[in-house]
Amino acid sequence: MPELPELEILKRELRPYVLGRQVKELVVPEGKGGDCAVGEWKEALEGATITGVERRGKMLVLHVDSGFSLIVHLMMVGQLLLRSVYNGVPNDVQLMLVFEDDQLFLGQVHLKFLRLVPTADLDQMPQLSELGRDPLGEAFGPEILGEMLAQRRGKIKSFLLDQRHLAGIGNTYSDEILFEARISPTRVASSLNADEVRRLHGSVVRTLQRGLELGGSSEMAFVHLDGSKGIFQEQFRVKGRKGKPCLVCGTPIEKTSVGGRGTYFCPSCQE
């Protein structure tokens, strides 16, 4: 599933292409609309100008001057592709925003995972209002993280995956974060001492930034607007490396389950 770095990349790529542009037409291929109120979407979006693109956790939000905002969750394999920089038509197109001279395609994710809401009501939407802190935001520091962990009795990986705590971290980045921080994914969150909290905070920021710098992870289906892939998956240190030697100590990487999610870790490096 695309996580914070991948959605941040798409946000940054979309802005110069779509801001200030008018949506000439909204197209939903026959049979793709499901129970969505496509007629209402067309009324709200067609003829409207895109005024903003923002990321909230693992979601993108497109604002238009008709007073509405479109919330896009790409789920596991959704893709956004822009015709002007991408050759061809993506697989399984679900929705298309048509501009004057190109189109923005949404593929491989059902429209039920999109929401069109009045912009004035955006912050009341549970999927947004319940999001926790942005781990790349200025307000997120070691002290704040320590306060958040102090009363948490669950496992540290489960804490990282809970979008109500930190918005945007998923299964892939959490494993890499915990490996760099040298913390076992099964540790009780409140058991971390001050030094471990500082290590974890630094690892969160560095790992997410590294994901951005490497163009995101295309381990599954994530691609840039032009269809190109990121390379973060080529530098995984634990993810998908069960049985292979740890890159630090040589101990075979193990895989367990935390909160029902496959979890990779080094039993020697991570305490």
Protein backbone atom coordinates (compact mmCIF):
# COMPACT_ATOMS: atom_id res chain seq x y z
CA MET A 1 0.00 0.00 0.00
CA PRO A 2 1.37 3.46 -0.84
CA GLU A 3 2.43 5.17 2.39
CA LEU A 4 3.45 8.70 3.36
CA PRO A 5 6.45 9.04 0.99
CA GLU A 6 4.52 7.76 -2.02
CA LEU A 7 1.55 10.07 -1.42
CA GLU A 8 3.86 13.01 -0.74
CA ILE A 9 5.57 12.34 -4.07
CA LEU A 10 2.24 12.31 -5.91
CA LYS A 11 1.17 15.52 -4.18
CA ARG A 12 4.35 17.30 -5.22
CA GLU A 13 4.10 15.99 -8.78
CA LEU A 14 0.42 16.85 -9.17
CA ARG A 15 0.58 20.46 -8.02
CA PRO A 16 2.41 22.01 -10.98
CA TYR A 17 0.22 20.10 -13.44
CA VAL A 18 -3.28 20.56 -12.01
CA LEU A 19 -3.39 23.69 -9.86
CA GLY A 20 -5.42 26.40 -11.54
CA ARG A 21 -6.72 24.05 -14.22
CA GLN A 22 -10.37 23.54 -15.04
CA VAL A 23 -11.95 20.10 -15.08
CA LYS A 24 -13.69 19.94 -18.45
CA GLU A 25 -15.24 16.54 -17.82
CA LEU A 26 -15.33 13.75 -15.28
CA VAL A 27 -15.46 10.33 -16.89
CA VAL A 28 -16.35 7.08 -15.13
CA PRO A 29 -16.18 4.08 -17.51
CA GLU A 30 -19.35 2.05 -17.82
CA GLY A 31 -19.75 -0.40 -14.97
CA LYS A 32 -17.15 1.28 -12.74
CA GLY A 33 -19.37 3.64 -10.75
CA GLY A 34 -20.89 1.06 -8.41
CA ASP A 35 -23.03 2.75 -5.77
CA CYS A 36 -21.19 6.08 -6.06
CA ALA A 37 -23.26 9.15 -6.89
CA VAL A 38 -21.44 9.80 -10.15
CA GLY A 39 -24.03 12.36 -11.24
CA GLU A 40 -23.38 14.44 -8.12
CA TRP A 41 -19.62 14.13 -8.65
CA LYS A 42 -19.96 15.40 -12.21
CA GLU A 43 -22.10 18.33 -11.07
CA ALA A 44 -19.54 19.31 -8.42
CA LEU A 45 -16.38 18.82 -10.47
CA GLU A 46 -17.14 19.56 -14.11
CA GLY A 47 -16.33 23.17 -14.89
CA ALA A 48 -14.60 23.61 -11.53
CA THR A 49 -10.98 24.72 -11.13
CA ILE A 50 -8.55 22.82 -8.93
CA THR A 51 -7.35 25.17 -6.21
CA GLY A 52 -5.35 22.87 -3.95
CA VAL A 53 -3.69 19.48 -3.58
CA GLU A 54 -2.71 18.26 -0.13
CA ARG A 55 -1.70 15.04 1.55
CA ARG A 56 -3.24 13.82 4.77
CA GLY A 57 -1.62 10.64 6.01
CA LYS A 58 -1.97 8.09 3.20
CA MET A 59 -4.61 10.11 1.35
CA LEU A 60 -4.62 12.87 -1.23
CA VAL A 61 -7.18 15.66 -1.17
CA LEU A 62 -8.00 17.73 -4.26
CA HIS A 63 -9.86 21.00 -3.64
CA VAL A 64 -11.96 22.73 -6.28
CA ASP A 65 -13.47 26.19 -6.40
CA SER A 66 -17.03 24.84 -6.46
CA GLY A 67 -16.65 24.30 -2.73
CA PHE A 68 -15.92 20.59 -2.79
CA SER A 69 -12.93 18.37 -2.05
CA LEU A 70 -12.17 14.93 -3.45
CA ILE A 71 -10.48 12.54 -0.99
CA VAL A 72 -8.47 9.83 -2.75
CA HIS A 73 -7.23 6.68 -0.99
CA LEU A 74 -5.18 4.46 -3.29
CA MET A 75 -5.56 1.41 -1.03
CA MET A 76 -3.17 -1.42 -2.00
CA VAL A 77 -2.59 -1.00 -5.73
CA GLY A 78 -4.27 2.22 -6.86
CA GLN A 79 -2.45 4.46 -9.33
CA LEU A 80 -2.64 8.05 -10.55
CA LEU A 81 -1.23 8.72 -14.02
CA LEU A 82 -1.18 11.91 -16.08
CA ARG A 83 -1.56 11.56 -19.84
CA SER A 84 0.78 14.45 -20.68
CA VAL A 85 3.74 12.67 -19.04
CA TYR A 86 2.61 9.05 -19.38
CA ASN A 87 2.43 7.11 -22.63
CA GLY A 88 -0.74 5.09 -22.99
CA VAL A 89 -3.74 4.33 -20.83
CA PRO A 90 -3.36 2.61 -17.43
CA ASN A 91 -4.95 -0.70 -16.54
CA ASP A 92 -8.44 -0.76 -15.07
CA VAL A 93 -9.28 2.95 -15.31
CA GLN A 94 -11.91 3.80 -12.71
CA LEU A 95 -12.13 7.56 -13.15
CA MET A 96 -10.68 10.24 -15.39
CA LEU A 97 -10.45 14.00 -14.92
CA VAL A 98 -10.29 15.61 -18.35
CA PHE A 99 -8.48 18.93 -18.72
CA GLU A 100 -8.04 21.09 -21.81
CA ASP A 101 -5.16 19.10 -23.27
CA ASP A 102 -4.62 16.02 -21.09
CA GLN A 103 -6.22 13.72 -18.54
CA LEU A 104 -5.57 12.48 -15.04
CA PHE A 105 -6.33 8.77 -14.72
CA LEU A 106 -7.21 6.93 -11.54
CA GLY A 107 -6.73 3.20 -11.93
CA GLN A 108 -6.92 -0.03 -9.96
CA VAL A 109 -8.87 1.29 -6.97
CA HIS A 110 -12.64 1.13 -6.58
CA LEU A 111 -14.48 4.44 -6.39
CA LYS A 112 -15.93 3.47 -3.01
CA PHE A 113 -12.55 4.43 -1.57
CA LEU A 114 -13.00 8.01 -2.78
CA ARG A 115 -15.10 10.65 -1.07
CA LEU A 116 -16.45 13.91 -2.45
CA VAL A 117 -17.39 16.25 0.40
CA PRO A 118 -18.06 19.96 0.89
CA THR A 119 -14.69 21.53 1.71
CA ALA A 120 -16.26 23.21 4.73
CA ASP A 121 -17.02 19.76 6.17
CA LEU A 122 -13.63 18.24 5.39
CA ASP A 123 -12.19 18.38 8.90
CA GLN A 124 -15.26 16.66 10.31
CA MET A 125 -14.78 13.58 8.13
CA PRO A 126 -13.79 10.71 10.51
CA GLN A 127 -11.15 9.39 8.13
CA LEU A 128 -9.40 12.77 8.39
CA SER A 129 -10.38 14.10 11.79
CA GLU A 130 -9.10 10.98 13.55
CA LEU A 131 -5.66 11.10 11.93
CA GLY A 132 -2.73 11.55 14.28
CA ARG A 133 0.37 13.67 13.84
CA ASP A 134 2.22 13.92 10.56
CA PRO A 135 5.65 12.35 11.28
CA LEU A 136 7.32 14.81 8.90
CA GLY A 137 5.54 17.79 10.43
CA GLU A 138 7.35 20.45 12.44
CA ALA A 139 5.31 19.65 15.56
CA PHE A 140 6.62 16.07 15.75
CA GLY A 141 9.69 15.81 17.98
CA PRO A 142 11.23 13.25 20.38
CA GLU A 143 9.48 14.77 23.39
CA ILE A 144 6.10 14.53 21.70
CA LEU A 145 6.77 10.93 20.67
CA GLY A 146 7.78 10.07 24.24
CA GLU A 147 4.53 11.49 25.57
CA MET A 148 2.56 9.52 23.00
CA LEU A 149 4.28 6.25 23.94
CA ALA A 150 4.19 6.66 27.71
CA GLN A 151 0.78 5.09 28.27
CA ARG A 152 0.67 2.67 25.34
CA ARG A 153 0.60 -0.98 26.40
CA GLY A 154 0.47 -2.42 22.91
CA LYS A 155 3.41 -3.42 20.74
CA ILE A 156 5.53 -0.69 19.21
CA LYS A 157 4.86 -1.81 15.64
CA SER A 158 1.12 -1.68 16.25
CA PHE A 159 1.59 1.86 17.55
CA LEU A 160 3.39 2.89 14.36
CA LEU A 161 0.67 1.36 12.19
CA ASP A 162 -2.19 3.07 14.03
CA GLN A 163 -3.11 6.12 11.94
CA ARG A 164 -4.61 7.75 15.03
CA HIS A 165 -1.07 8.13 16.41
CA LEU A 166 1.15 8.85 13.40
CA ALA A 167 -0.53 9.38 10.06
CA GLY A 168 1.10 7.86 7.01
CA ILE A 169 3.26 4.97 8.23
CA GLY A 170 2.32 1.49 7.07
CA ASN A 171 3.65 -2.04 7.11
CA THR A 172 6.63 -1.49 4.85
CA TYR A 173 8.11 1.62 6.41
CA SER A 174 7.44 0.50 9.99
CA ASP A 175 9.69 -2.56 9.59
CA GLU A 176 12.48 -0.46 8.13
CA ILE A 177 12.05 2.21 10.83
CA LEU A 178 12.27 -0.29 13.68
CA PHE A 179 15.31 -1.99 12.18
CA GLU A 180 17.24 1.27 11.91
CA ALA A 181 16.19 2.20 15.45
CA ARG A 182 17.35 -1.25 16.71
CA ILE A 183 14.02 -1.84 18.44
CA SER A 184 12.10 -5.13 18.32
CA PRO A 185 8.65 -4.81 16.74
CA THR A 186 7.18 -6.78 19.65
CA ARG A 187 8.40 -4.41 22.38
CA VAL A 188 5.68 -2.82 24.50
CA ALA A 189 5.50 0.81 23.36
CA SER A 190 5.66 2.27 26.87
CA SER A 191 8.81 0.23 27.69
CA LEU A 192 11.05 2.38 25.49
CA ASN A 193 13.53 4.47 27.46
CA ALA A 194 14.51 8.04 26.56
CA ASP A 195 17.42 6.99 24.37
CA GLU A 196 15.28 4.49 22.48
CA VAL A 197 12.59 7.11 21.95
CA ARG A 198 15.17 9.47 20.45
CA ARG A 199 16.47 6.69 18.21
CA LEU A 200 12.96 5.84 17.09
CA HIS A 201 12.09 9.45 16.33
CA GLY A 202 15.26 9.90 14.29
CA SER A 203 14.63 6.67 12.43
CA VAL A 204 11.04 7.64 11.58
CA VAL A 205 12.17 10.92 10.04
CA ARG A 206 15.23 9.54 8.25
CA THR A 207 13.45 6.48 6.84
CA LEU A 208 10.53 8.48 5.47
CA GLN A 209 12.90 11.06 4.01
CA ARG A 210 14.97 8.29 2.42
CA GLY A 211 11.79 6.91 0.88
CA LEU A 212 11.11 10.33 -0.62
CA GLU A 213 14.65 10.71 -1.94
CA LEU A 214 14.53 7.29 -3.60
CA GLY A 215 11.23 7.99 -5.32
CA GLY A 216 9.11 5.85 -3.02
CA SER A 217 8.63 2.10 -2.84
CA SER A 218 7.25 0.30 -5.90
CA GLU A 219 7.29 -3.06 -4.13
CA MET A 220 3.67 -3.48 -5.24
CA ALA A 221 1.97 -1.13 -7.71
CA PHE A 222 3.03 2.40 -6.83
CA VAL A 223 4.19 4.52 -9.75
CA HIS A 224 4.83 8.21 -10.36
CA LEU A 225 2.52 10.29 -12.55
CA ASP A 226 4.64 9.33 -15.57
CA GLY A 227 4.46 5.60 -14.79
CA SER A 228 8.04 5.34 -13.52
CA LYS A 229 8.84 3.38 -10.37
CA GLY A 230 10.59 4.29 -7.16
CA ILE A 231 13.65 2.37 -5.98
CA PHE A 232 13.27 2.35 -2.19
CA GLN A 233 12.32 -1.35 -2.36
CA GLU A 234 15.77 -2.08 -3.78
CA GLN A 235 17.30 -0.90 -0.51
CA PHE A 236 15.09 -2.72 1.99
CA ARG A 237 17.16 -3.87 4.95
CA VAL A 238 14.64 -6.29 6.44
CA LYS A 239 11.38 -6.16 4.47
CA GLY A 240 11.00 -9.32 2.38
CA ARG A 241 14.40 -10.68 3.47
CA LYS A 242 13.36 -13.64 5.63
CA GLY A 243 16.25 -16.10 5.98
CA LYS A 244 18.77 -13.75 4.39
CA PRO A 245 21.69 -12.45 6.47
CA CYS A 246 21.23 -9.18 8.31
CA LEU A 247 23.18 -6.46 6.55
CA VAL A 248 24.62 -5.36 9.89
CA CYS A 249 25.39 -8.53 11.87
CA GLY A 250 24.81 -11.45 9.48
CA THR A 251 22.08 -13.11 11.58
CA PRO A 252 19.24 -14.49 9.40
CA ILE A 253 16.28 -12.12 9.19
CA GLU A 254 13.14 -13.54 10.74
CA LYS A 255 9.46 -12.99 10.02
CA THR A 256 6.66 -12.92 12.57
CA SER A 257 3.17 -11.48 12.81
CA VAL A 258 2.30 -8.35 14.78
CA GLY A 259 -1.33 -7.32 14.82
CA GLY A 260 -1.99 -9.67 11.94
CA ARG A 261 0.67 -8.03 9.75
CA GLY A 262 3.73 -9.80 8.40
CA THR A 263 6.75 -8.34 10.20
CA TYR A 264 10.44 -8.66 9.33
CA PHE A 265 13.21 -8.07 11.87
CA CYS A 266 16.71 -9.01 12.95
CA PRO A 267 16.60 -10.98 16.24
CA SER A 268 20.14 -9.84 17.11
CA CYS A 269 20.12 -6.16 16.20
CA GLN A 270 16.64 -5.35 17.44
CA GLU A 271 16.09 -5.55 21.18
